[in-house]
Amino acid sequence: MRAASQRHEAFDLVSTVPYLPHDTMALTLTGSKRWPKRKVLQAFAKQHCQLAAQQIGEIEAAVEQAIRQNLPLLERLQQQYAGFAPIGEGLHTLLLTPLP
């Protein structure tokens, strides 16, 4: 007998703030279109994605590592493409701002 397959839902957050500074999320999360705080995202991960605290921590660490690894690329693109510089600066600021 085969084990029941597990289906995992995905919810992505793509910030448009670097090029639309006063934008909000397209969909609501916990009844709000405001950008969620870290605790809200962690609660969502536990409740809806059935992730354990350790898994959430590992995902957060992986995201932080990816940000650190890609900041030099972002900086090079800002220097190489003048039209991208303002958006790149907004993205740079967003990526270095810790979630509340």
PDB file of N, CA and C in Angstrom:
ATOM      1  N   MET A   1       0.832  -1.169   0.000  1.00  0.00           N
ATOM      2  CA  MET A   1       0.000   0.000   0.000  1.00  0.00           C
ATOM      3  C   MET A   1       0.890   1.251   0.000  1.00  0.00           C
ATOM      4  N   ARG A   2       0.574   2.203  -0.855  1.00  0.00           N
ATOM      5  CA  ARG A   2       1.370   3.429  -0.945  1.00  0.00           C
ATOM      6  C   ARG A   2       0.981   4.414   0.144  1.00  0.00           C
ATOM      7  N   ALA A   3       1.973   5.109   0.618  1.00  0.00           N
ATOM      8  CA  ALA A   3       1.700   6.147   1.614  1.00  0.00           C
ATOM      9  C   ALA A   3       0.963   7.294   0.940  1.00  0.00           C
ATOM     10  N   ALA A   4       0.092   7.913   1.694  1.00  0.00           N
ATOM     11  CA  ALA A   4      -0.651   9.057   1.155  1.00  0.00           C
ATOM     12  C   ALA A   4       0.325  10.162   0.786  1.00  0.00           C
ATOM     13  N   SER A   5       0.113  10.739  -0.372  1.00  0.00           N
ATOM     14  CA  SER A   5       1.005  11.826  -0.784  1.00  0.00           C
ATOM     15  C   SER A   5       0.651  13.086  -0.010  1.00  0.00           C
ATOM     16  N   GLN A   6       1.655  13.868   0.270  1.00  0.00           N
ATOM     17  CA  GLN A   6       1.449  15.121   0.987  1.00  0.00           C
ATOM     18  C   GLN A   6       1.437  16.265  -0.006  1.00  0.00           C
ATOM     19  N   ARG A   7       0.524  17.156   0.198  1.00  0.00           N
ATOM     20  CA  ARG A   7       0.440  18.336  -0.645  1.00  0.00           C
ATOM     21  C   ARG A   7       0.840  19.539   0.198  1.00  0.00           C
ATOM     22  N   HIS A   8       1.758  20.330  -0.295  1.00  0.00           N
ATOM     23  CA  HIS A   8       2.215  21.506   0.434  1.00  0.00           C
ATOM     24  C   HIS A   8       1.794  22.750  -0.325  1.00  0.00           C
ATOM     25  N   GLU A   9       1.142  23.637   0.387  1.00  0.00           N
ATOM     26  CA  GLU A   9       0.718  24.902  -0.195  1.00  0.00           C
ATOM     27  C   GLU A   9       1.882  25.887  -0.148  1.00  0.00           C
ATOM     28  N   ALA A  10       1.911  26.788  -1.054  1.00  0.00           N
ATOM     29  CA  ALA A  10       2.961  27.809  -1.075  1.00  0.00           C
ATOM     30  C   ALA A  10       2.309  29.180  -1.033  1.00  0.00           C
ATOM     31  N   PHE A  11       2.945  30.078  -0.351  1.00  0.00           N
ATOM     32  CA  PHE A  11       2.489  31.464  -0.284  1.00  0.00           C
ATOM     33  C   PHE A  11       3.726  32.313  -0.450  1.00  0.00           C
ATOM     34  N   ASP A  12       3.770  33.087  -1.480  1.00  0.00           N
ATOM     35  CA  ASP A  12       4.975  33.881  -1.692  1.00  0.00           C
ATOM     36  C   ASP A  12       4.703  35.349  -1.390  1.00  0.00           C
ATOM     37  N   LEU A  13       5.718  35.993  -0.936  1.00  0.00           N
ATOM     38  CA  LEU A  13       5.670  37.423  -0.672  1.00  0.00           C
ATOM     39  C   LEU A  13       6.707  38.080  -1.560  1.00  0.00           C
ATOM     40  N   VAL A  14       6.238  38.868  -2.478  1.00  0.00           N
ATOM     41  CA  VAL A  14       7.138  39.588  -3.360  1.00  0.00           C
ATOM     42  C   VAL A  14       6.897  41.065  -3.114  1.00  0.00           C
ATOM     43  N   SER A  15       7.890  41.721  -2.606  1.00  0.00           N
ATOM     44  CA  SER A  15       7.735  43.127  -2.289  1.00  0.00           C
ATOM     45  C   SER A  15       7.846  43.986  -3.544  1.00  0.00           C
ATOM     46  N   THR A  16       6.870  44.849  -3.700  1.00  0.00           N
ATOM     47  CA  THR A  16       6.911  45.833  -4.781  1.00  0.00           C
ATOM     48  C   THR A  16       7.387  47.189  -4.252  1.00  0.00           C
ATOM     49  N   VAL A  17       7.695  47.242  -2.957  1.00  0.00           N
ATOM     50  CA  VAL A  17       8.079  48.494  -2.312  1.00  0.00           C
ATOM     51  C   VAL A  17       9.276  49.182  -2.969  1.00  0.00           C
ATOM     52  N   PRO A  18      10.292  48.441  -3.462  1.00  0.00           N
ATOM     53  CA  PRO A  18      11.419  49.164  -4.083  1.00  0.00           C
ATOM     54  C   PRO A  18      11.012  50.069  -5.240  1.00  0.00           C
ATOM     55  N   TYR A  19       9.966  49.710  -5.978  1.00  0.00           N
ATOM     56  CA  TYR A  19       9.560  50.582  -7.083  1.00  0.00           C
ATOM     57  C   TYR A  19       8.167  51.176  -6.905  1.00  0.00           C
ATOM     58  N   LEU A  20       7.425  50.745  -5.893  1.00  0.00           N
ATOM     59  CA  LEU A  20       6.147  51.338  -5.521  1.00  0.00           C
ATOM     60  C   LEU A  20       6.182  51.548  -3.995  1.00  0.00           C
ATOM     61  N   PRO A  21       6.815  52.620  -3.534  1.00  0.00           N
ATOM     62  CA  PRO A  21       7.114  52.786  -2.109  1.00  0.00           C
ATOM     63  C   PRO A  21       5.933  52.656  -1.146  1.00  0.00           C
ATOM     64  N   HIS A  22       4.724  52.972  -1.580  1.00  0.00           N
ATOM     65  CA  HIS A  22       3.581  52.946  -0.662  1.00  0.00           C
ATOM     66  C   HIS A  22       2.633  51.788  -0.980  1.00  0.00           C
ATOM     67  N   ASP A  23       3.140  50.787  -1.656  1.00  0.00           N
ATOM     68  CA  ASP A  23       2.312  49.654  -2.060  1.00  0.00           C
ATOM     69  C   ASP A  23       2.015  48.738  -0.871  1.00  0.00           C
ATOM     70  N   THR A  24       0.949  47.962  -1.015  1.00  0.00           N
ATOM     71  CA  THR A  24       0.590  46.957  -0.016  1.00  0.00           C
ATOM     72  C   THR A  24       0.569  45.593  -0.694  1.00  0.00           C
ATOM     73  N   MET A  25       0.363  44.562   0.101  1.00  0.00           N
ATOM     74  CA  MET A  25       0.286  43.209  -0.473  1.00  0.00           C
ATOM     75  C   MET A  25      -0.975  43.089  -1.315  1.00  0.00           C
ATOM     76  N   ALA A  26      -0.936  42.259  -2.336  1.00  0.00           N
ATOM     77  CA  ALA A  26      -2.089  42.044  -3.208  1.00  0.00           C
ATOM     78  C   ALA A  26      -3.169  41.223  -2.502  1.00  0.00           C
ATOM     79  N   LEU A  27      -2.742  40.268  -1.684  1.00  0.00           N
ATOM     80  CA  LEU A  27      -3.677  39.411  -0.960  1.00  0.00           C
ATOM     81  C   LEU A  27      -3.573  39.689   0.531  1.00  0.00           C
ATOM     82  N   THR A  28      -4.638  39.375   1.247  1.00  0.00           N
ATOM     83  CA  THR A  28      -4.587  39.575   2.683  1.00  0.00           C
ATOM     84  C   THR A  28      -3.923  38.381   3.376  1.00  0.00           C
ATOM     85  N   LEU A  29      -3.295  38.660   4.479  1.00  0.00           N
ATOM     86  CA  LEU A  29      -2.717  37.642   5.348  1.00  0.00           C
ATOM     87  C   LEU A  29      -3.161  38.018   6.755  1.00  0.00           C
ATOM     88  N   THR A  30      -3.878  37.128   7.408  1.00  0.00           N
ATOM     89  CA  THR A  30      -4.504  37.390   8.711  1.00  0.00           C
ATOM     90  C   THR A  30      -5.411  38.619   8.652  1.00  0.00           C
ATOM     91  N   GLY A  31      -6.115  38.756   7.537  1.00  0.00           N
ATOM     92  CA  GLY A  31      -7.094  39.830   7.394  1.00  0.00           C
ATOM     93  C   GLY A  31      -6.524  41.201   7.094  1.00  0.00           C
ATOM     94  N   SER A  32      -5.247  41.277   6.749  1.00  0.00           N
ATOM     95  CA  SER A  32      -4.617  42.575   6.502  1.00  0.00           C
ATOM     96  C   SER A  32      -3.761  42.521   5.243  1.00  0.00           C
ATOM     97  N   LYS A  33      -3.676  43.665   4.577  1.00  0.00           N
ATOM     98  CA  LYS A  33      -2.789  43.786   3.421  1.00  0.00           C
ATOM     99  C   LYS A  33      -1.478  44.476   3.795  1.00  0.00           C
ATOM    100  N   ARG A  34      -1.300  44.737   5.074  1.00  0.00           N
ATOM    101  CA  ARG A  34      -0.027  45.310   5.533  1.00  0.00           C
ATOM    102  C   ARG A  34       1.052  44.243   5.433  1.00  0.00           C
ATOM    103  N   TRP A  35       2.296  44.692   5.228  1.00  0.00           N
ATOM    104  CA  TRP A  35       3.405  43.737   5.198  1.00  0.00           C
ATOM    105  C   TRP A  35       3.511  43.106   6.577  1.00  0.00           C
ATOM    106  N   PRO A  36       3.534  41.789   6.643  1.00  0.00           N
ATOM    107  CA  PRO A  36       3.489  41.120   7.949  1.00  0.00           C
ATOM    108  C   PRO A  36       4.787  41.220   8.731  1.00  0.00           C
ATOM    109  N   LYS A  37       4.632  41.168  10.041  1.00  0.00           N
ATOM    110  CA  LYS A  37       5.790  41.118  10.931  1.00  0.00           C
ATOM    111  C   LYS A  37       6.292  39.681  10.981  1.00  0.00           C
ATOM    112  N   ARG A  38       7.506  39.519  11.464  1.00  0.00           N
ATOM    113  CA  ARG A  38       8.149  38.196  11.523  1.00  0.00           C
ATOM    114  C   ARG A  38       7.276  37.181  12.268  1.00  0.00           C
ATOM    115  N   LYS A  39       6.704  37.564  13.405  1.00  0.00           N
ATOM    116  CA  LYS A  39       5.889  36.636  14.191  1.00  0.00           C
ATOM    117  C   LYS A  39       4.652  36.178  13.424  1.00  0.00           C
ATOM    118  N   VAL A  40       4.078  37.044  12.618  1.00  0.00           N
ATOM    119  CA  VAL A  40       2.923  36.669  11.806  1.00  0.00           C
ATOM    120  C   VAL A  40       3.332  35.630  10.765  1.00  0.00           C
ATOM    121  N   LEU A  41       4.479  35.850  10.125  1.00  0.00           N
ATOM    122  CA  LEU A  41       4.969  34.873   9.138  1.00  0.00           C
ATOM    123  C   LEU A  41       5.300  33.540   9.795  1.00  0.00           C
ATOM    124  N   GLN A  42       5.886  33.589  10.977  1.00  0.00           N
ATOM    125  CA  GLN A  42       6.214  32.354  11.689  1.00  0.00           C
ATOM    126  C   GLN A  42       4.946  31.605  12.089  1.00  0.00           C
ATOM    127  N   ALA A  43       3.938  32.316  12.549  1.00  0.00           N
ATOM    128  CA  ALA A  43       2.668  31.677  12.913  1.00  0.00           C
ATOM    129  C   ALA A  43       2.006  31.059  11.687  1.00  0.00           C
ATOM    130  N   PHE A  44       2.068  31.758  10.553  1.00  0.00           N
ATOM    131  CA  PHE A  44       1.520  31.228   9.303  1.00  0.00           C
ATOM    132  C   PHE A  44       2.235  29.940   8.913  1.00  0.00           C
ATOM    133  N   ALA A  45       3.555  29.954   9.041  1.00  0.00           N
ATOM    134  CA  ALA A  45       4.349  28.771   8.690  1.00  0.00           C
ATOM    135  C   ALA A  45       3.993  27.574   9.569  1.00  0.00           C
ATOM    136  N   LYS A  46       3.788  27.828  10.846  1.00  0.00           N
ATOM    137  CA  LYS A  46       3.425  26.741  11.769  1.00  0.00           C
ATOM    138  C   LYS A  46       2.017  26.223  11.489  1.00  0.00           C
ATOM    139  N   GLN A  47       1.072  27.143  11.384  1.00  0.00           N
ATOM    140  CA  GLN A  47      -0.333  26.751  11.274  1.00  0.00           C
ATOM    141  C   GLN A  47      -0.708  26.219   9.900  1.00  0.00           C
ATOM    142  N   HIS A  48      -0.297  26.893   8.861  1.00  0.00           N
ATOM    143  CA  HIS A  48      -0.766  26.541   7.520  1.00  0.00           C
ATOM    144  C   HIS A  48       0.205  25.679   6.727  1.00  0.00           C
ATOM    145  N   CYS A  49       1.472  25.747   7.074  1.00  0.00           N
ATOM    146  CA  CYS A  49       2.476  24.955   6.356  1.00  0.00           C
ATOM    147  C   CYS A  49       2.979  23.786   7.197  1.00  0.00           C
ATOM    148  N   GLN A  50       2.494  23.690   8.416  1.00  0.00           N
ATOM    149  CA  GLN A  50       2.882  22.632   9.351  1.00  0.00           C
ATOM    150  C   GLN A  50       4.399  22.521   9.514  1.00  0.00           C
ATOM    151  N   LEU A  51       5.060  23.654   9.612  1.00  0.00           N
ATOM    152  CA  LEU A  51       6.509  23.667   9.813  1.00  0.00           C
ATOM    153  C   LEU A  51       6.817  23.772  11.298  1.00  0.00           C
ATOM    154  N   ALA A  52       7.839  23.070  11.729  1.00  0.00           N
ATOM    155  CA  ALA A  52       8.305  23.143  13.109  1.00  0.00           C
ATOM    156  C   ALA A  52       9.180  24.384  13.259  1.00  0.00           C
ATOM    157  N   ALA A  53       9.348  24.826  14.503  1.00  0.00           N
ATOM    158  CA  ALA A  53      10.157  26.018  14.771  1.00  0.00           C
ATOM    159  C   ALA A  53      11.561  25.880  14.190  1.00  0.00           C
ATOM    160  N   GLN A  54      12.145  24.688  14.292  1.00  0.00           N
ATOM    161  CA  GLN A  54      13.494  24.476  13.747  1.00  0.00           C
ATOM    162  C   GLN A  54      13.505  24.662  12.231  1.00  0.00           C
ATOM    163  N   GLN A  55      12.486  24.147  11.550  1.00  0.00           N
ATOM    164  CA  GLN A  55      12.417  24.313  10.095  1.00  0.00           C
ATOM    165  C   GLN A  55      12.288  25.780   9.721  1.00  0.00           C
ATOM    166  N   ILE A  56      11.480  26.500  10.471  1.00  0.00           N
ATOM    167  CA  ILE A  56      11.297  27.928  10.208  1.00  0.00           C
ATOM    168  C   ILE A  56      12.623  28.659  10.380  1.00  0.00           C
ATOM    169  N   GLY A  57      13.339  28.324  11.447  1.00  0.00           N
ATOM    170  CA  GLY A  57      14.655  28.930  11.674  1.00  0.00           C
ATOM    171  C   GLY A  57      15.628  28.635  10.552  1.00  0.00           C
ATOM    172  N   GLU A  58      15.602  27.400  10.045  1.00  0.00           N
ATOM    173  CA  GLU A  58      16.490  27.028   8.943  1.00  0.00           C
ATOM    174  C   GLU A  58      16.137  27.794   7.673  1.00  0.00           C
ATOM    175  N   ILE A  59      14.857  27.984   7.428  1.00  0.00           N
ATOM    176  CA  ILE A  59      14.418  28.739   6.243  1.00  0.00           C
ATOM    177  C   ILE A  59      14.837  30.197   6.374  1.00  0.00           C
ATOM    178  N   GLU A  60      14.634  30.772   7.567  1.00  0.00           N
ATOM    179  CA  GLU A  60      15.050  32.160   7.786  1.00  0.00           C
ATOM    180  C   GLU A  60      16.555  32.315   7.590  1.00  0.00           C
ATOM    181  N   ALA A  61      17.327  31.361   8.091  1.00  0.00           N
ATOM    182  CA  ALA A  61      18.788  31.423   7.937  1.00  0.00           C
ATOM    183  C   ALA A  61      19.172  31.318   6.461  1.00  0.00           C
ATOM    184  N   ALA A  62      18.482  30.464   5.713  1.00  0.00           N
ATOM    185  CA  ALA A  62      18.781  30.312   4.285  1.00  0.00           C
ATOM    186  C   ALA A  62      18.465  31.599   3.521  1.00  0.00           C
ATOM    187  N   VAL A  63      17.372  32.245   3.876  1.00  0.00           N
ATOM    188  CA  VAL A  63      17.012  33.513   3.220  1.00  0.00           C
ATOM    189  C   VAL A  63      18.057  34.579   3.549  1.00  0.00           C
ATOM    190  N   GLU A  64      18.449  34.664   4.817  1.00  0.00           N
ATOM    191  CA  GLU A  64      19.460  35.642   5.202  1.00  0.00           C
ATOM    192  C   GLU A  64      20.781  35.397   4.486  1.00  0.00           C
ATOM    193  N   GLN A  65      21.160  34.135   4.333  1.00  0.00           N
ATOM    194  CA  GLN A  65      22.393  33.797   3.617  1.00  0.00           C
ATOM    195  C   GLN A  65      22.283  34.196   2.146  1.00  0.00           C
ATOM    196  N   ALA A  66      21.137  33.930   1.533  1.00  0.00           N
ATOM    197  CA  ALA A  66      20.934  34.293   0.123  1.00  0.00           C
ATOM    198  C   ALA A  66      21.023  35.809  -0.065  1.00  0.00           C
ATOM    199  N   ILE A  67      20.481  36.545   0.886  1.00  0.00           N
ATOM    200  CA  ILE A  67      20.574  38.009   0.807  1.00  0.00           C
ATOM    201  C   ILE A  67      22.035  38.437   0.850  1.00  0.00           C
ATOM    202  N   ARG A  68      22.781  37.917   1.835  1.00  0.00           N
ATOM    203  CA  ARG A  68      24.206  38.285   1.949  1.00  0.00           C
ATOM    204  C   ARG A  68      24.976  37.925   0.678  1.00  0.00           C
ATOM    205  N   GLN A  69      24.697  36.755   0.118  1.00  0.00           N
ATOM    206  CA  GLN A  69      25.427  36.310  -1.071  1.00  0.00           C
ATOM    207  C   GLN A  69      25.099  37.148  -2.295  1.00  0.00           C
ATOM    208  N   ASN A  70      23.892  37.709  -2.359  1.00  0.00           N
ATOM    209  CA  ASN A  70      23.471  38.417  -3.561  1.00  0.00           C
ATOM    210  C   ASN A  70      23.586  39.932  -3.478  1.00  0.00           C
ATOM    211  N   LEU A  71      23.916  40.468  -2.315  1.00  0.00           N
ATOM    212  CA  LEU A  71      24.099  41.922  -2.219  1.00  0.00           C
ATOM    213  C   LEU A  71      25.181  42.449  -3.157  1.00  0.00           C
ATOM    214  N   PRO A  72      26.321  41.755  -3.309  1.00  0.00           N
ATOM    215  CA  PRO A  72      27.323  42.255  -4.263  1.00  0.00           C
ATOM    216  C   PRO A  72      26.783  42.328  -5.698  1.00  0.00           C
ATOM    217  N   LEU A  73      25.975  41.368  -6.089  1.00  0.00           N
ATOM    218  CA  LEU A  73      25.373  41.402  -7.429  1.00  0.00           C
ATOM    219  C   LEU A  73      24.446  42.604  -7.549  1.00  0.00           C
ATOM    220  N   LEU A  74      23.632  42.826  -6.556  1.00  0.00           N
ATOM    221  CA  LEU A  74      22.725  43.973  -6.569  1.00  0.00           C
ATOM    222  C   LEU A  74      23.506  45.272  -6.701  1.00  0.00           C
ATOM    223  N   GLU A  75      24.592  45.389  -5.961  1.00  0.00           N
ATOM    224  CA  GLU A  75      25.407  46.598  -6.020  1.00  0.00           C
ATOM    225  C   GLU A  75      26.050  46.776  -7.393  1.00  0.00           C
ATOM    226  N   ARG A  76      26.521  45.673  -7.997  1.00  0.00           N
ATOM    227  CA  ARG A  76      27.105  45.760  -9.350  1.00  0.00           C
ATOM    228  C   ARG A  76      26.051  46.200 -10.369  1.00  0.00           C
ATOM    229  N   LEU A  77      24.844  45.651 -10.257  1.00  0.00           N
ATOM    230  CA  LEU A  77      23.780  46.011 -11.200  1.00  0.00           C
ATOM    231  C   LEU A  77      23.388  47.474 -11.052  1.00  0.00           C
ATOM    232  N   GLN A  78      23.410  47.979  -9.832  1.00  0.00           N
ATOM    233  CA  GLN A  78      23.110  49.397  -9.609  1.00  0.00           C
ATOM    234  C   GLN A  78      24.147  50.278 -10.298  1.00  0.00           C
ATOM    235  N   GLN A  79      25.402  49.867 -10.233  1.00  0.00           N
ATOM    236  CA  GLN A  79      26.469  50.644 -10.857  1.00  0.00           C
ATOM    237  C   GLN A  79      26.439  50.518 -12.378  1.00  0.00           C
ATOM    238  N   GLN A  80      26.086  49.331 -12.855  1.00  0.00           N
ATOM    239  CA  GLN A  80      26.127  49.065 -14.291  1.00  0.00           C
ATOM    240  C   GLN A  80      24.949  49.696 -15.028  1.00  0.00           C
ATOM    241  N   TYR A  81      23.786  49.755 -14.397  1.00  0.00           N
ATOM    242  CA  TYR A  81      22.573  50.233 -15.071  1.00  0.00           C
ATOM    243  C   TYR A  81      21.983  51.406 -14.286  1.00  0.00           C
ATOM    244  N   ALA A  82      22.228  52.597 -14.784  1.00  0.00           N
ATOM    245  CA  ALA A  82      21.795  53.805 -14.085  1.00  0.00           C
ATOM    246  C   ALA A  82      20.286  53.818 -13.841  1.00  0.00           C
ATOM    247  N   GLY A  83      19.504  53.328 -14.778  1.00  0.00           N
ATOM    248  CA  GLY A  83      18.052  53.301 -14.624  1.00  0.00           C
ATOM    249  C   GLY A  83      17.585  52.376 -13.511  1.00  0.00           C
ATOM    250  N   PHE A  84      18.406  51.395 -13.187  1.00  0.00           N
ATOM    251  CA  PHE A  84      18.070  50.446 -12.130  1.00  0.00           C
ATOM    252  C   PHE A  84      18.502  50.943 -10.752  1.00  0.00           C
ATOM    253  N   ALA A  85      19.389  51.920 -10.726  1.00  0.00           N
ATOM    254  CA  ALA A  85      19.974  52.371  -9.460  1.00  0.00           C
ATOM    255  C   ALA A  85      18.936  52.747  -8.400  1.00  0.00           C
ATOM    256  N   PRO A  86      17.902  53.542  -8.716  1.00  0.00           N
ATOM    257  CA  PRO A  86      16.933  53.896  -7.666  1.00  0.00           C
ATOM    258  C   PRO A  86      16.161  52.677  -7.134  1.00  0.00           C
ATOM    259  N   ILE A  87      15.779  51.787  -8.025  1.00  0.00           N
ATOM    260  CA  ILE A  87      15.069  50.574  -7.603  1.00  0.00           C
ATOM    261  C   ILE A  87      16.011  49.681  -6.803  1.00  0.00           C
ATOM    262  N   GLY A  88      17.237  49.565  -7.284  1.00  0.00           N
ATOM    263  CA  GLY A  88      18.232  48.765  -6.578  1.00  0.00           C
ATOM    264  C   GLY A  88      18.493  49.297  -5.182  1.00  0.00           C
ATOM    265  N   GLU A  89      18.536  50.605  -5.038  1.00  0.00           N
ATOM    266  CA  GLU A  89      18.752  51.207  -3.719  1.00  0.00           C
ATOM    267  C   GLU A  89      17.584  50.893  -2.789  1.00  0.00           C
ATOM    268  N   GLY A  90      16.359  50.973  -3.325  1.00  0.00           N
ATOM    269  CA  GLY A  90      15.186  50.619  -2.520  1.00  0.00           C
ATOM    270  C   GLY A  90      15.213  49.164  -2.100  1.00  0.00           C
ATOM    271  N   LEU A  91      15.608  48.304  -3.017  1.00  0.00           N
ATOM    272  CA  LEU A  91      15.705  46.878  -2.721  1.00  0.00           C
ATOM    273  C   LEU A  91      16.802  46.616  -1.692  1.00  0.00           C
ATOM    274  N   HIS A  92      17.929  47.287  -1.868  1.00  0.00           N
ATOM    275  CA  HIS A  92      19.049  47.159  -0.927  1.00  0.00           C
ATOM    276  C   HIS A  92      18.594  47.527   0.485  1.00  0.00           C
ATOM    277  N   THR A  93      17.895  48.647   0.612  1.00  0.00           N
ATOM    278  CA  THR A  93      17.390  49.087   1.912  1.00  0.00           C
ATOM    279  C   THR A  93      16.409  48.073   2.485  1.00  0.00           C
ATOM    280  N   LEU A  94      15.507  47.600   1.652  1.00  0.00           N
ATOM    281  CA  LEU A  94      14.512  46.617   2.095  1.00  0.00           C
ATOM    282  C   LEU A  94      15.179  45.334   2.587  1.00  0.00           C
ATOM    283  N   LEU A  95      16.166  44.854   1.845  1.00  0.00           N
ATOM    284  CA  LEU A  95      16.823  43.596   2.203  1.00  0.00           C
ATOM    285  C   LEU A  95      17.628  43.702   3.488  1.00  0.00           C
ATOM    286  N   LEU A  96      18.127  44.891   3.799  1.00  0.00           N
ATOM    287  CA  LEU A  96      18.930  45.057   5.005  1.00  0.00           C
ATOM    288  C   LEU A  96      18.122  45.509   6.223  1.00  0.00           C
ATOM    289  N   THR A  97      16.818  45.697   6.035  1.00  0.00           N
ATOM    290  CA  THR A  97      15.939  46.096   7.143  1.00  0.00           C
ATOM    291  C   THR A  97      15.370  44.830   7.783  1.00  0.00           C
ATOM    292  N   PRO A  98      15.697  44.581   9.056  1.00  0.00           N
ATOM    293  CA  PRO A  98      15.182  43.375   9.703  1.00  0.00           C
ATOM    294  C   PRO A  98      13.668  43.426   9.853  1.00  0.00           C
ATOM    295  N   LEU A  99      13.021  42.278   9.772  1.00  0.00           N
ATOM    296  CA  LEU A  99      11.588  42.221  10.009  1.00  0.00           C
ATOM    297  C   LEU A  99      11.318  42.559  11.466  1.00  0.00           C
ATOM    298  N   PRO A 100      10.278  43.340  11.693  1.00  0.00           N
ATOM    299  CA  PRO A 100       9.948  43.669  13.101  1.00  0.00           C
ATOM    300  C   PRO A 100       9.425  42.442  13.847  1.00  0.00           C
TER     301      PRO A 100
END
